Protein backbone atom coordinates (compact mmCIF):
# COMPACT_ATOMS: atom_id res chain seq x y z
CA MET A 1 -5.13 10.93 57.10
CA ASP A 2 -5.22 13.10 60.06
CA GLU A 3 -5.23 16.78 57.97
CA THR A 4 -3.87 18.57 61.18
CA TRP A 5 -1.23 16.70 61.54
CA ALA A 6 -0.85 16.44 57.70
CA GLU A 7 -0.32 20.29 57.54
CA GLU A 8 1.74 20.45 60.43
CA TRP A 9 3.61 17.70 58.87
CA ILE A 10 4.12 19.46 55.49
CA ASN A 11 4.58 22.67 56.55
CA ASP A 12 7.99 21.76 58.89
CA LYS A 13 9.50 20.72 55.66
CA SER A 14 10.38 21.63 51.77
CA PHE A 15 9.62 19.86 49.12
CA ASP A 16 10.31 20.47 44.96
CA PHE A 17 7.77 18.18 43.29
CA CYS A 18 4.04 17.27 44.33
CA ILE A 19 2.23 14.51 42.49
CA ALA A 20 -1.26 14.45 43.72
CA ALA A 21 -2.26 10.64 43.00
CA ASP A 22 -6.42 10.41 42.36
CA SER A 23 -8.02 11.12 45.43
CA GLY A 24 -4.88 12.62 46.97
CA LEU A 25 -5.82 15.92 45.16
CA GLU A 26 -8.43 16.28 47.23
CA LYS A 27 -6.71 16.14 50.26
CA ALA A 28 -3.61 18.70 48.84
CA ASP A 29 -6.40 20.98 47.82
CA ARG A 30 -7.63 21.48 51.27
CA LEU A 31 -3.80 21.67 52.37
CA GLY A 32 -3.47 24.38 49.63
CA VAL A 33 -0.49 22.30 48.34
CA LYS A 34 0.86 23.00 45.08
CA VAL A 35 0.80 19.77 42.94
CA ASP A 36 2.92 19.98 39.96
CA LEU A 37 1.53 16.37 38.48
CA LEU A 38 -1.62 15.12 39.01
CA LEU A 39 -2.15 11.31 37.99
CA GLY A 40 -4.86 8.64 38.12
CA ASP A 41 -8.49 7.28 36.66
CA TYR A 42 -9.63 10.03 38.95
CA ASP A 43 -12.74 7.35 39.82
CA SER A 44 -12.42 8.96 43.29
CA VAL A 45 -12.36 12.98 42.54
CA ASP A 46 -15.01 15.45 42.06
CA SER A 47 -15.36 16.73 38.73
CA ARG A 48 -14.91 20.32 39.11
CA LEU A 49 -11.87 20.12 41.52
CA LEU A 50 -10.40 18.19 38.82
CA GLU A 51 -11.40 20.77 35.90
CA LYS A 52 -9.93 23.40 38.21
CA TYR A 53 -6.45 21.71 38.32
CA ARG A 54 -6.68 20.15 35.13
CA SER A 55 -6.18 23.95 32.91
CA ASP A 56 -3.00 24.88 34.76
CA THR A 57 -1.50 21.41 36.29
CA ARG A 58 0.39 18.58 33.83
CA THR A 59 -1.91 15.87 34.29
CA ILE A 60 -1.57 11.96 32.85
CA THR A 61 -4.96 9.90 33.09
CA TYR A 62 -4.98 6.32 33.53
CA PRO A 63 -7.68 3.60 32.50
CA CYS A 64 -9.45 2.07 35.88
CA GLU A 65 -8.69 -1.38 34.53
CA LYS A 66 -4.87 -1.13 34.84
CA ASP A 67 -1.69 -3.13 35.92
CA TYR A 68 -0.53 -0.74 38.45
CA THR A 69 -2.30 1.40 41.23
CA ASP A 70 -2.71 5.08 41.57
CA THR A 71 0.11 5.32 44.52
CA HIS A 72 2.50 2.76 42.17
CA ILE A 73 2.25 5.15 39.50
CA ALA A 74 3.01 8.24 40.93
CA VAL A 75 6.47 6.55 43.11
CA LYS A 76 7.01 5.40 39.42
CA LYS A 77 6.72 8.64 38.47
CA ALA A 78 8.54 10.47 41.17
CA ILE A 79 11.63 7.82 40.55
CA GLU A 80 11.61 9.14 37.01
CA TYR A 81 11.76 12.56 38.58
CA ILE A 82 14.71 12.33 40.66
CA GLN A 83 16.18 10.36 37.82
CA LYS A 84 15.57 12.81 35.44
CA ASN A 85 17.02 15.58 37.63
CA VAL A 86 20.18 14.03 38.64
CA SER A 87 20.99 12.56 35.17
CA LYS A 88 20.86 16.70 34.08
CA ARG A 89 23.15 17.57 37.13
CA HIS A 90 25.71 14.71 35.70
CA GLY A 91 25.85 16.37 32.45
CA ASN A 92 23.09 14.14 30.53
CA LYS A 93 19.88 14.56 28.21
CA GLY A 94 17.73 12.42 30.21
CA ILE A 95 16.39 9.17 30.32
CA ASP A 96 14.94 6.47 28.23
CA GLY A 97 11.16 5.53 28.06
CA ASP A 98 8.36 6.84 30.64
CA PHE A 99 9.62 5.09 33.69
CA GLY A 100 13.28 4.09 32.39
CA VAL A 101 16.25 4.31 34.15
CA PHE A 102 19.67 6.04 33.69
CA GLU A 103 22.41 3.58 34.94
CA ASP A 104 24.84 5.85 35.47
CA ALA A 105 23.11 8.42 37.73
CA ASP A 106 23.63 8.93 41.60
CA TYR A 107 20.18 8.94 42.89
CA THR A 108 20.55 8.74 46.30
CA ARG A 109 20.39 13.20 46.49
CA GLY A 110 16.89 12.76 46.34
CA SER A 111 13.78 10.88 48.16
CA ILE A 112 10.33 10.25 48.21
CA SER A 113 7.71 11.24 51.03
CA ILE A 114 4.46 9.98 50.98
CA ILE A 115 1.49 10.66 52.75
CA GLY A 116 -2.50 9.04 52.59
CA ALA A 117 -0.92 5.74 51.97
CA THR A 118 -2.21 4.10 55.09
CA GLY A 119 -6.22 3.93 56.45
CA THR A 120 -9.11 1.99 56.51
CA ARG A 121 -7.92 -0.34 53.63
CA TYR A 122 -5.56 -2.53 55.05
CA ASP A 123 -5.20 -4.02 51.04
CA HIS A 124 -3.98 -0.81 49.92
CA ALA A 125 -1.85 -0.04 52.62
CA ILE A 126 -0.01 -3.35 52.43
CA THR A 127 0.35 -2.89 49.00
CA ASN A 128 1.89 0.69 49.41
CA ILE A 129 4.46 -0.85 51.35
CA PHE A 130 5.57 -3.27 49.30
CA VAL A 131 5.09 -0.52 46.31
CA MET A 132 7.88 1.09 47.49
CA GLN A 133 10.76 -1.51 46.95
CA GLU A 134 10.65 -0.10 43.39
CA ALA A 135 12.32 2.97 44.93
CA LEU A 136 14.51 0.62 47.19
CA MET A 137 15.44 -1.09 43.48
CA ALA A 138 16.17 2.32 42.40
CA GLY A 139 18.78 3.55 45.29
CA VAL A 140 16.35 6.08 46.00
CA GLU A 141 14.98 6.39 49.74
CA CYS A 142 11.27 6.34 49.96
CA ALA A 143 9.14 6.36 53.50
CA ILE A 144 5.56 6.31 54.39
CA TYR A 145 4.71 8.60 57.13
CA ASP A 146 1.20 9.41 58.98
CA LYS A 147 0.28 10.60 62.26
CA PHE A 148 2.23 7.75 64.05
CA ASN A 149 4.00 5.82 61.66
CA LYS A 150 7.00 6.17 59.62
CA ILE A 151 7.48 2.94 57.22
CA TYR A 152 10.39 2.44 54.92
CA LEU A 153 12.60 -0.40 53.43
CA LYS A 154 16.58 -1.26 54.20
CA ASP A 155 18.60 -4.40 52.40
CA ALA A 156 21.70 -2.82 53.80
CA ALA A 157 23.14 -1.18 57.00
CA PHE A 158 21.85 1.71 58.74
CA ASP A 159 21.49 3.95 61.60
CA ILE A 160 18.47 5.47 63.56
CA GLU A 161 19.56 8.71 65.64
CA ARG A 162 17.38 8.61 69.23
CA ASP A 163 16.96 12.18 68.58
CA LYS A 164 15.79 11.82 65.18
CA GLN A 165 13.72 9.30 65.21
CA TYR A 166 9.73 8.81 64.32
CA GLY A 167 8.69 8.23 67.86
CA LYS A 168 9.48 5.94 70.72
CA TYR A 169 9.26 2.50 69.25
CA LEU A 170 11.14 0.79 66.50
CA SER A 171 9.54 -2.83 64.89
CA PHE A 172 11.15 -4.97 62.03
CA ALA A 173 9.38 -7.04 59.85
CA PRO A 174 11.15 -9.23 56.65
CA MET A 175 10.02 -7.94 53.11
CA SER A 176 12.07 -11.11 52.09
CA GLU A 177 11.29 -14.70 52.98
CA GLU A 178 13.86 -14.10 55.40
CA VAL A 179 16.83 -11.47 56.68
CA THR A 180 19.58 -11.98 58.89
CA LEU A 181 19.90 -9.21 60.88
CA SER A 182 22.20 -7.54 63.49
CA LEU A 183 20.86 -4.94 66.43
CA ALA A 184 22.98 -2.82 68.49
CA GLY A 185 22.23 0.23 70.59
CA VAL A 186 19.11 -0.99 71.65
CA LYS A 187 16.74 -2.41 74.27
CA TYR A 188 16.73 -5.68 72.72
CA PRO A 189 19.82 -6.44 70.63
CA LEU A 190 20.74 -9.23 68.31
CA ASP A 191 23.45 -11.15 66.43
CA ARG A 192 23.10 -12.16 62.86
CA TYR A 193 19.71 -13.12 63.76
CA VAL A 194 17.36 -15.03 61.18
CA LEU A 195 13.88 -13.11 60.70
CA ARG A 196 11.60 -15.17 58.97
CA GLN A 197 7.97 -13.99 57.34
CA GLY A 198 5.42 -14.83 60.60
CA MET A 199 7.92 -14.25 63.10
CA SER A 200 7.17 -11.26 66.13
CA ILE A 201 10.19 -11.17 67.53
CA CYS A 202 10.81 -7.78 66.50
CA GLN A 203 8.11 -5.59 67.50
CA SER A 204 8.27 -3.01 69.68
CA ASN A 205 12.38 -2.68 70.17
CA GLU A 206 13.32 0.67 71.89
CA ILE A 207 16.74 2.52 70.75
CA THR A 208 18.79 3.36 74.26
CA GLU A 209 22.03 4.70 72.91
CA LYS A 210 22.48 7.43 71.07
CA THR A 211 22.42 6.22 68.05
CA ALA A 212 20.99 1.92 66.92
CA HIS A 213 22.69 0.75 64.19
CA VAL A 214 21.50 -2.36 62.17
CA ASP A 215 23.07 -4.46 59.92
CA ILE A 216 21.61 -6.24 57.31
CA ILE A 217 23.47 -9.35 56.48
CA SER A 218 21.36 -10.69 53.79
CA GLY A 219 17.65 -9.84 52.80
CA LYS A 220 14.90 -6.92 52.67
CA LEU A 221 13.87 -5.47 55.74
CA VAL A 222 10.72 -2.92 56.16
CA VAL A 223 11.22 -0.73 58.78
CA PHE A 224 8.81 1.00 61.70
CA GLU A 225 9.41 4.03 63.46
CA THR A 226 5.95 4.76 65.84
CA ASN A 227 5.18 7.15 68.19
CA ASP A 228 1.52 5.88 68.90
């Protein structure tokens, strides 16, 4: 993670809850971020730093051999945090279970931002993109950010304002086996095009109008806004 970029990015935003997943604690510490929840198996965290935070930070420890990655667990906990807070605003007492779902809550008021999820381990980076499907299914906005990319998932129509775009280029890849989509307000428009896994036609598009409109008729889409 480019820490100079990360510091600028964090200082430009406001967050009400921060989860540090395993070695993410070291990045958060160097960036001066207040950590509200620390989780992981801590196989890659300096023991002295871990002890420094454990004294006054809620900490959850998981075994090294487990069914979820630390990032996946962090996403689950972030969804849970949003659900709990929204359910309280709805006058409800809470949710059922550690990662339960509160069926009547409106989760669209919360969003999750992930940094430090891309890098040299492509297996981790790709898995982290897939992990965002957990948030998509819960109705919670979720995106991965790094110096050059904003990556997120969509399964319904949405707009992207050119002035607010995360860079110059716009690319799409199918999360499901195929996605039927239409694109408007872009250099390369499409009309009910069936984008199948393995196709590259939706790379490096550009927004030409004030707003780009993406209509997803069926399937799930990975969206890349890139400034490289």
